[in-house]
């Protein structure tokens, strides 16, 4: 028997200069309204190495993006077709550009560029291999019905 209140585990990719983690945020009912779920994408740059352990700047420099069904559909299509995707989010005074660009025959680069109204900018990229892209596509496809509570 599956407990639907258990938080799904993160899908993570760690590379030399950056790391990525994605987590399913399940839909929820708040009073008489239904809030659709999403995928939370977080990326952080490499910070330092301590005792052979790579530390990433999750607390101070991470960039977070909420990906909805339309975003997931574009990313899945790009992965399946061996193509690219460009997404744009604007919330309050912050804009985020998310790009999945081809990296020759090696896979893709996933980049998130964030710009705030105060002029602060941040850009984090991570290479994604073909094999990681395949796994990512499976995870994102499985997330779509869960986001809408269609299971």
N, C-alpha and C. Protein backbone atom coordinates (compact mmCIF):
# COMPACT_ATOMS: atom_id res chain seq x y z
N UNK A 1 0.84 -1.18 0.00
CA UNK A 1 0.00 0.00 0.00
C UNK A 1 0.89 1.24 0.00
N UNK A 2 0.55 2.22 -0.82
CA UNK A 2 1.35 3.42 -0.95
C UNK A 2 0.76 4.54 -0.12
N UNK A 3 1.62 5.23 0.63
CA UNK A 3 1.19 6.39 1.41
C UNK A 3 1.33 7.62 0.53
N UNK A 4 0.21 8.25 0.18
CA UNK A 4 0.24 9.40 -0.73
C UNK A 4 0.76 10.66 -0.05
N UNK A 5 1.02 10.61 1.26
CA UNK A 5 1.53 11.79 1.96
C UNK A 5 3.06 11.81 2.01
N UNK A 6 3.71 10.76 1.53
CA UNK A 6 5.16 10.71 1.52
C UNK A 6 5.68 11.66 0.45
N UNK A 7 6.66 12.46 0.82
CA UNK A 7 7.27 13.40 -0.12
C UNK A 7 8.12 12.62 -1.12
N UNK A 8 7.93 12.85 -2.43
CA UNK A 8 8.74 12.14 -3.44
C UNK A 8 10.21 12.52 -3.29
N UNK A 9 11.08 11.59 -3.60
CA UNK A 9 12.51 11.87 -3.50
C UNK A 9 12.95 12.78 -4.65
N UNK A 10 14.11 13.37 -4.49
CA UNK A 10 14.63 14.28 -5.51
C UNK A 10 15.35 13.50 -6.60
N UNK A 11 15.26 14.04 -7.81
CA UNK A 11 16.08 13.58 -8.93
C UNK A 11 17.23 14.57 -9.00
N UNK A 12 18.45 14.10 -8.87
CA UNK A 12 19.61 14.99 -8.78
C UNK A 12 20.68 14.63 -9.80
N UNK A 13 21.38 15.66 -10.26
CA UNK A 13 22.54 15.50 -11.12
C UNK A 13 23.63 16.41 -10.56
N UNK A 14 24.80 15.84 -10.29
CA UNK A 14 25.92 16.60 -9.77
C UNK A 14 27.04 16.57 -10.79
N UNK A 15 27.54 17.73 -11.16
CA UNK A 15 28.65 17.84 -12.11
C UNK A 15 29.73 18.71 -11.50
N UNK A 16 30.78 18.97 -12.24
CA UNK A 16 31.93 19.71 -11.71
C UNK A 16 31.62 21.09 -11.18
N UNK A 17 30.97 21.92 -11.98
CA UNK A 17 30.77 23.31 -11.59
C UNK A 17 29.37 23.61 -11.07
N UNK A 18 28.45 22.65 -11.15
CA UNK A 18 27.08 22.92 -10.72
C UNK A 18 26.33 21.63 -10.43
N UNK A 19 25.16 21.80 -9.81
CA UNK A 19 24.31 20.67 -9.49
C UNK A 19 22.86 21.05 -9.74
N UNK A 20 22.05 20.03 -10.00
CA UNK A 20 20.63 20.22 -10.27
C UNK A 20 19.86 19.25 -9.40
N UNK A 21 18.73 19.68 -8.90
CA UNK A 21 17.81 18.76 -8.24
C UNK A 21 16.39 19.16 -8.61
N UNK A 22 15.57 18.14 -8.79
CA UNK A 22 14.17 18.35 -9.14
C UNK A 22 13.33 17.54 -8.18
N UNK A 23 12.20 18.12 -7.77
CA UNK A 23 11.32 17.41 -6.86
C UNK A 23 9.87 17.69 -7.23
N UNK A 24 9.08 16.65 -7.20
CA UNK A 24 7.65 16.76 -7.47
C UNK A 24 6.96 17.40 -6.27
N UNK A 25 6.20 18.43 -6.54
CA UNK A 25 5.34 19.02 -5.52
C UNK A 25 3.93 18.60 -5.87
N UNK A 26 3.35 17.74 -5.05
CA UNK A 26 2.04 17.18 -5.33
C UNK A 26 0.96 18.25 -5.24
N UNK A 27 -0.16 18.03 -5.92
CA UNK A 27 -1.27 18.97 -5.81
C UNK A 27 -1.86 18.89 -4.40
N UNK A 28 -2.54 19.96 -4.02
CA UNK A 28 -3.17 19.94 -2.71
C UNK A 28 -4.50 20.68 -2.74
N UNK A 29 -5.38 20.24 -1.87
CA UNK A 29 -6.68 20.90 -1.71
C UNK A 29 -6.57 21.82 -0.51
N UNK A 30 -6.87 23.09 -0.74
CA UNK A 30 -6.85 24.08 0.33
C UNK A 30 -8.27 24.61 0.44
N UNK A 31 -8.91 24.26 1.55
CA UNK A 31 -10.34 24.53 1.76
C UNK A 31 -11.12 23.98 0.58
N UNK A 32 -11.80 24.80 -0.18
CA UNK A 32 -12.60 24.29 -1.30
C UNK A 32 -11.92 24.51 -2.65
N UNK A 33 -10.64 24.85 -2.63
CA UNK A 33 -9.91 25.10 -3.87
C UNK A 33 -8.82 24.05 -4.06
N UNK A 34 -8.52 23.77 -5.31
CA UNK A 34 -7.51 22.78 -5.67
C UNK A 34 -6.31 23.51 -6.24
N UNK A 35 -5.14 23.26 -5.68
CA UNK A 35 -3.90 23.86 -6.16
C UNK A 35 -3.13 22.80 -6.93
N UNK A 36 -2.90 23.06 -8.22
CA UNK A 36 -2.17 22.13 -9.08
C UNK A 36 -0.72 22.03 -8.60
N UNK A 37 -0.13 20.87 -8.74
CA UNK A 37 1.25 20.66 -8.35
C UNK A 37 2.22 21.19 -9.40
N UNK A 38 3.49 20.90 -9.21
CA UNK A 38 4.53 21.34 -10.14
C UNK A 38 5.80 20.54 -9.87
N UNK A 39 6.81 20.81 -10.65
CA UNK A 39 8.15 20.30 -10.39
C UNK A 39 8.99 21.50 -9.95
N UNK A 40 9.65 21.35 -8.81
CA UNK A 40 10.55 22.39 -8.34
C UNK A 40 11.95 22.05 -8.86
N UNK A 41 12.49 22.93 -9.67
CA UNK A 41 13.84 22.79 -10.22
C UNK A 41 14.75 23.72 -9.44
N UNK A 42 15.84 23.20 -8.91
CA UNK A 42 16.82 24.02 -8.22
C UNK A 42 18.19 23.72 -8.81
N UNK A 43 18.96 24.78 -9.00
CA UNK A 43 20.34 24.63 -9.49
C UNK A 43 21.24 25.47 -8.59
N UNK A 44 22.44 24.95 -8.34
CA UNK A 44 23.39 25.67 -7.50
C UNK A 44 24.80 25.47 -8.05
N UNK A 45 25.63 26.49 -7.90
CA UNK A 45 27.03 26.37 -8.34
C UNK A 45 27.87 25.62 -7.30
N UNK A 46 29.00 25.11 -7.75
CA UNK A 46 29.97 24.48 -6.86
C UNK A 46 30.51 25.53 -5.91
N UNK A 47 30.67 25.16 -4.65
CA UNK A 47 31.17 26.09 -3.64
C UNK A 47 32.60 25.75 -3.23
N UNK A 48 32.80 24.51 -2.76
CA UNK A 48 34.12 24.11 -2.28
C UNK A 48 34.17 22.59 -2.09
N UNK A 49 35.36 22.12 -1.84
CA UNK A 49 35.52 20.71 -1.54
C UNK A 49 36.09 20.59 -0.14
N UNK A 50 35.45 19.76 0.70
CA UNK A 50 35.92 19.54 2.07
C UNK A 50 36.10 18.05 2.30
N UNK A 51 37.30 17.66 2.63
CA UNK A 51 37.61 16.25 2.92
C UNK A 51 37.14 15.33 1.79
N UNK A 52 37.34 15.76 0.55
CA UNK A 52 36.97 14.95 -0.60
C UNK A 52 35.50 14.99 -0.96
N UNK A 53 34.72 15.81 -0.26
CA UNK A 53 33.28 15.93 -0.53
C UNK A 53 33.02 17.26 -1.22
N UNK A 54 32.35 17.19 -2.36
CA UNK A 54 32.02 18.42 -3.11
C UNK A 54 30.79 19.08 -2.48
N UNK A 55 30.91 20.37 -2.18
CA UNK A 55 29.85 21.14 -1.54
C UNK A 55 29.33 22.14 -2.57
N UNK A 56 28.02 22.22 -2.70
CA UNK A 56 27.39 23.17 -3.61
C UNK A 56 26.69 24.25 -2.80
N UNK A 57 26.54 25.44 -3.37
CA UNK A 57 26.01 26.61 -2.67
C UNK A 57 24.48 26.61 -2.67
N UNK A 58 23.87 25.56 -2.12
CA UNK A 58 22.41 25.45 -2.11
C UNK A 58 21.76 26.56 -1.30
N UNK A 59 22.34 26.94 -0.20
CA UNK A 59 21.70 27.92 0.68
C UNK A 59 21.81 29.34 0.15
N UNK A 60 22.98 29.72 -0.32
CA UNK A 60 23.19 31.13 -0.65
C UNK A 60 23.06 31.48 -2.13
N UNK A 61 23.27 30.54 -3.04
CA UNK A 61 23.30 30.90 -4.46
C UNK A 61 22.39 30.07 -5.36
N UNK A 62 21.51 29.28 -4.80
CA UNK A 62 20.67 28.45 -5.66
C UNK A 62 19.64 29.30 -6.40
N UNK A 63 19.25 28.80 -7.56
CA UNK A 63 18.17 29.40 -8.35
C UNK A 63 17.05 28.37 -8.37
N UNK A 64 15.84 28.82 -8.08
CA UNK A 64 14.68 27.94 -8.01
C UNK A 64 13.65 28.34 -9.04
N UNK A 65 13.09 27.35 -9.73
CA UNK A 65 12.05 27.58 -10.74
C UNK A 65 10.95 26.55 -10.52
N UNK A 66 9.70 27.00 -10.57
CA UNK A 66 8.57 26.07 -10.53
C UNK A 66 8.16 25.78 -11.96
N UNK A 67 8.20 24.51 -12.33
CA UNK A 67 7.84 24.09 -13.69
C UNK A 67 6.45 23.49 -13.70
N UNK A 68 5.57 24.08 -14.51
CA UNK A 68 4.21 23.57 -14.66
C UNK A 68 4.12 22.63 -15.85
N UNK A 69 2.91 22.19 -16.13
CA UNK A 69 2.68 21.20 -17.19
C UNK A 69 3.16 21.71 -18.55
N UNK A 70 2.90 22.95 -18.89
CA UNK A 70 3.35 23.47 -20.19
C UNK A 70 4.87 23.45 -20.30
N UNK A 71 5.55 23.80 -19.21
CA UNK A 71 7.02 23.76 -19.19
C UNK A 71 7.50 22.32 -19.36
N UNK A 72 6.90 21.40 -18.61
CA UNK A 72 7.31 20.00 -18.67
C UNK A 72 7.10 19.44 -20.07
N UNK A 73 5.99 19.80 -20.69
CA UNK A 73 5.70 19.31 -22.03
C UNK A 73 6.77 19.76 -23.02
N UNK A 74 7.20 21.02 -22.93
CA UNK A 74 8.24 21.51 -23.83
C UNK A 74 9.57 20.81 -23.58
N UNK A 75 9.91 20.58 -22.32
CA UNK A 75 11.17 19.89 -22.01
C UNK A 75 11.14 18.44 -22.47
N UNK A 76 10.04 17.75 -22.23
CA UNK A 76 9.90 16.35 -22.66
C UNK A 76 10.01 16.26 -24.17
N UNK A 77 9.31 17.14 -24.88
CA UNK A 77 9.35 17.11 -26.34
C UNK A 77 10.78 17.34 -26.84
N UNK A 78 11.48 18.30 -26.24
CA UNK A 78 12.86 18.59 -26.66
C UNK A 78 13.76 17.38 -26.42
N UNK A 79 13.61 16.74 -25.29
CA UNK A 79 14.44 15.57 -24.99
C UNK A 79 14.12 14.44 -25.96
N UNK A 80 12.83 14.16 -26.17
CA UNK A 80 12.43 13.06 -27.06
C UNK A 80 12.85 13.31 -28.50
N UNK A 81 12.77 14.56 -28.95
CA UNK A 81 13.08 14.90 -30.33
C UNK A 81 14.57 15.20 -30.53
N UNK A 82 15.35 15.19 -29.45
CA UNK A 82 16.76 15.55 -29.57
C UNK A 82 16.91 17.01 -29.94
N UNK A 83 16.01 17.85 -29.42
CA UNK A 83 16.00 19.26 -29.77
C UNK A 83 16.29 20.16 -28.58
N UNK A 84 15.75 21.36 -28.66
CA UNK A 84 16.00 22.39 -27.65
C UNK A 84 14.68 22.98 -27.16
N UNK A 85 14.74 23.65 -26.02
CA UNK A 85 13.56 24.31 -25.46
C UNK A 85 13.98 25.60 -24.78
N UNK A 86 13.11 26.61 -24.87
CA UNK A 86 13.32 27.89 -24.18
C UNK A 86 12.05 28.22 -23.42
N UNK A 87 12.20 28.49 -22.14
CA UNK A 87 11.08 28.84 -21.28
C UNK A 87 11.36 30.19 -20.64
N UNK A 88 10.31 30.92 -20.31
CA UNK A 88 10.47 32.23 -19.68
C UNK A 88 9.45 32.34 -18.56
N UNK A 89 9.91 32.74 -17.37
CA UNK A 89 9.03 32.94 -16.22
C UNK A 89 9.24 34.35 -15.68
N UNK A 90 8.15 34.97 -15.28
CA UNK A 90 8.25 36.28 -14.62
C UNK A 90 7.33 36.24 -13.41
N UNK A 91 7.88 36.56 -12.26
CA UNK A 91 7.11 36.58 -11.03
C UNK A 91 7.59 37.76 -10.21
N UNK A 92 6.65 38.61 -9.82
CA UNK A 92 6.99 39.86 -9.13
C UNK A 92 8.01 40.60 -9.97
N UNK A 93 9.15 40.91 -9.42
CA UNK A 93 10.15 41.69 -10.16
C UNK A 93 11.34 40.84 -10.62
N UNK A 94 11.12 39.54 -10.72
CA UNK A 94 12.20 38.64 -11.12
C UNK A 94 11.82 37.89 -12.39
N UNK A 95 12.76 37.83 -13.33
CA UNK A 95 12.54 37.04 -14.54
C UNK A 95 13.54 35.89 -14.56
N UNK A 96 13.10 34.78 -15.13
CA UNK A 96 13.96 33.61 -15.25
C UNK A 96 13.82 33.05 -16.65
N UNK A 97 14.95 32.84 -17.29
CA UNK A 97 14.99 32.20 -18.61
C UNK A 97 15.59 30.83 -18.42
N UNK A 98 14.87 29.82 -18.86
CA UNK A 98 15.31 28.44 -18.75
C UNK A 98 15.55 27.94 -20.16
N UNK A 99 16.75 27.43 -20.42
CA UNK A 99 17.06 26.93 -21.76
C UNK A 99 17.67 25.54 -21.69
N UNK A 100 17.18 24.68 -22.56
CA UNK A 100 17.75 23.36 -22.76
C UNK A 100 18.36 23.40 -24.15
N UNK A 101 19.70 23.47 -24.22
CA UNK A 101 20.41 23.60 -25.49
C UNK A 101 21.19 22.33 -25.78
N UNK A 102 21.25 22.00 -27.06
CA UNK A 102 22.02 20.82 -27.46
C UNK A 102 23.51 21.04 -27.20
N UNK A 103 24.17 19.97 -26.81
CA UNK A 103 25.61 19.97 -26.56
C UNK A 103 26.24 18.94 -27.50
N UNK A 104 26.14 19.20 -28.78
CA UNK A 104 26.65 18.26 -29.79
C UNK A 104 25.97 16.91 -29.64
N UNK A 105 26.72 15.84 -29.74
CA UNK A 105 26.14 14.51 -29.57
C UNK A 105 26.24 14.02 -28.13
N UNK A 106 26.68 14.89 -27.23
CA UNK A 106 26.85 14.52 -25.82
C UNK A 106 25.56 14.62 -25.01
N UNK A 107 24.61 15.43 -25.47
CA UNK A 107 23.38 15.66 -24.71
C UNK A 107 22.98 17.12 -24.77
N UNK A 108 22.79 17.73 -23.60
CA UNK A 108 22.29 19.10 -23.52
C UNK A 108 23.02 19.87 -22.45
N UNK A 109 22.83 21.19 -22.47
CA UNK A 109 23.14 22.06 -21.36
C UNK A 109 21.80 22.62 -20.88
N UNK A 110 21.53 22.54 -19.59
CA UNK A 110 20.36 23.16 -19.01
C UNK A 110 20.86 24.40 -18.28
N UNK A 111 20.32 25.56 -18.67
CA UNK A 111 20.74 26.84 -18.08
C UNK A 111 19.54 27.57 -17.52
N UNK A 112 19.76 28.23 -16.39
CA UNK A 112 18.76 29.12 -15.83
C UNK A 112 19.43 30.46 -15.57
N UNK A 113 18.88 31.51 -16.19
CA UNK A 113 19.37 32.87 -15.98
C UNK A 113 18.29 33.63 -15.23
N UNK A 114 18.68 34.23 -14.12
CA UNK A 114 17.72 34.96 -13.29
C UNK A 114 18.13 36.42 -13.21
N UNK A 115 17.17 37.32 -13.41
CA UNK A 115 17.42 38.77 -13.31
C UNK A 115 16.37 39.38 -12.40
N UNK A 116 16.83 40.14 -11.42
CA UNK A 116 15.93 40.82 -10.51
C UNK A 116 15.85 42.31 -10.89
N UNK A 117 14.81 42.96 -10.43
CA UNK A 117 14.60 44.37 -10.73
C UNK A 117 15.75 45.23 -10.22
N UNK A 118 16.36 44.82 -9.12
CA UNK A 118 17.47 45.59 -8.54
C UNK A 118 18.77 45.43 -9.32
N UNK A 119 18.74 44.67 -10.42
CA UNK A 119 19.91 44.49 -11.26
C UNK A 119 20.72 43.24 -10.96
N UNK A 120 20.38 42.54 -9.89
CA UNK A 120 21.10 41.31 -9.55
C UNK A 120 20.83 40.25 -10.60
N UNK A 121 21.91 39.61 -11.06
CA UNK A 121 21.78 38.57 -12.09
C UNK A 121 22.53 37.33 -11.66
N UNK A 122 22.01 36.20 -12.09
CA UNK A 122 22.66 34.93 -11.80
C UNK A 122 22.39 34.00 -12.96
N UNK A 123 23.41 33.22 -13.33
CA UNK A 123 23.29 32.26 -14.42
C UNK A 123 23.98 30.97 -14.01
N UNK A 124 23.24 29.87 -14.05
CA UNK A 124 23.80 28.57 -13.71
C UNK A 124 23.48 27.60 -14.84
N UNK A 125 24.49 26.84 -15.26
CA UNK A 125 24.32 25.84 -16.32
C UNK A 125 24.85 24.50 -15.83
N UNK A 126 24.26 23.44 -16.37
CA UNK A 126 24.73 22.10 -16.05
C UNK A 126 24.63 21.23 -17.30
N UNK A 127 25.68 20.47 -17.61
CA UNK A 127 25.57 19.54 -18.74
C UNK A 127 24.71 18.34 -18.35
N UNK A 128 23.90 17.89 -19.28
CA UNK A 128 23.06 16.72 -19.08
C UNK A 128 23.37 15.74 -20.20
N UNK A 129 23.84 14.56 -19.84
CA UNK A 129 24.18 13.54 -20.84
C UNK A 129 22.91 12.99 -21.48
N UNK A 130 23.08 12.28 -22.58
CA UNK A 130 21.93 11.62 -23.24
C UNK A 130 21.23 10.67 -22.27
N UNK A 131 22.02 9.91 -21.51
CA UNK A 131 21.44 8.96 -20.56
C UNK A 131 20.67 9.67 -19.45
N UNK A 132 21.24 10.77 -18.93
CA UNK A 132 20.54 11.55 -17.92
C UNK A 132 19.28 12.19 -18.50
N UNK A 133 19.34 12.63 -19.75
CA UNK A 133 18.17 13.18 -20.43
C UNK A 133 17.08 12.14 -20.58
N UNK A 134 17.46 10.91 -20.87
CA UNK A 134 16.49 9.81 -20.98
C UNK A 134 15.78 9.62 -19.64
N UNK A 135 16.54 9.53 -18.55
CA UNK A 135 15.95 9.37 -17.22
C UNK A 135 15.09 10.57 -16.86
N UNK A 136 15.56 11.76 -17.19
CA UNK A 136 14.80 12.98 -16.90
C UNK A 136 13.47 12.97 -17.64
N UNK A 137 13.48 12.55 -18.91
CA UNK A 137 12.24 12.46 -19.69
C UNK A 137 11.24 11.50 -19.05
N UNK A 138 11.71 10.36 -18.56
CA UNK A 138 10.83 9.40 -17.89
C UNK A 138 10.22 10.02 -16.64
N UNK A 139 11.05 10.68 -15.85
CA UNK A 139 10.57 11.31 -14.61
C UNK A 139 9.54 12.41 -14.90
N UNK A 140 9.81 13.24 -15.89
CA UNK A 140 8.90 14.34 -16.21
C UNK A 140 7.57 13.83 -16.78
N UNK A 141 7.63 12.77 -17.62
CA UNK A 141 6.40 12.18 -18.15
C UNK A 141 5.53 11.63 -17.03
N UNK A 142 6.16 10.97 -16.08
CA UNK A 142 5.43 10.39 -14.95
C UNK A 142 4.85 11.48 -14.05
N UNK A 143 5.47 12.65 -14.03
CA UNK A 143 5.03 13.74 -13.16
C UNK A 143 3.73 14.40 -13.64
N UNK A 144 3.51 14.43 -14.95
CA UNK A 144 2.35 15.17 -15.47
C UNK A 144 1.03 14.70 -14.87
N UNK A 145 0.69 13.39 -14.88
CA UNK A 145 -0.58 13.01 -14.25
C UNK A 145 -0.59 13.24 -12.75
N UNK A 146 0.56 13.14 -12.09
CA UNK A 146 0.61 13.36 -10.64
C UNK A 146 0.32 14.81 -10.29
N UNK A 147 0.84 15.73 -11.12
CA UNK A 147 0.63 17.16 -10.89
C UNK A 147 -0.86 17.51 -10.90
N UNK A 148 -1.62 16.81 -11.72
CA UNK A 148 -3.06 17.05 -11.82
C UNK A 148 -3.91 16.12 -10.96
N UNK A 149 -3.22 15.26 -10.19
CA UNK A 149 -3.91 14.31 -9.32
C UNK A 149 -4.71 13.30 -10.14
N UNK A 150 -4.20 12.90 -11.30
CA UNK A 150 -4.84 11.93 -12.19
C UNK A 150 -4.19 10.56 -12.01
N UNK A 151 -4.27 10.02 -10.84
CA UNK A 151 -3.71 8.70 -10.62
C UNK A 151 -4.60 7.91 -9.70
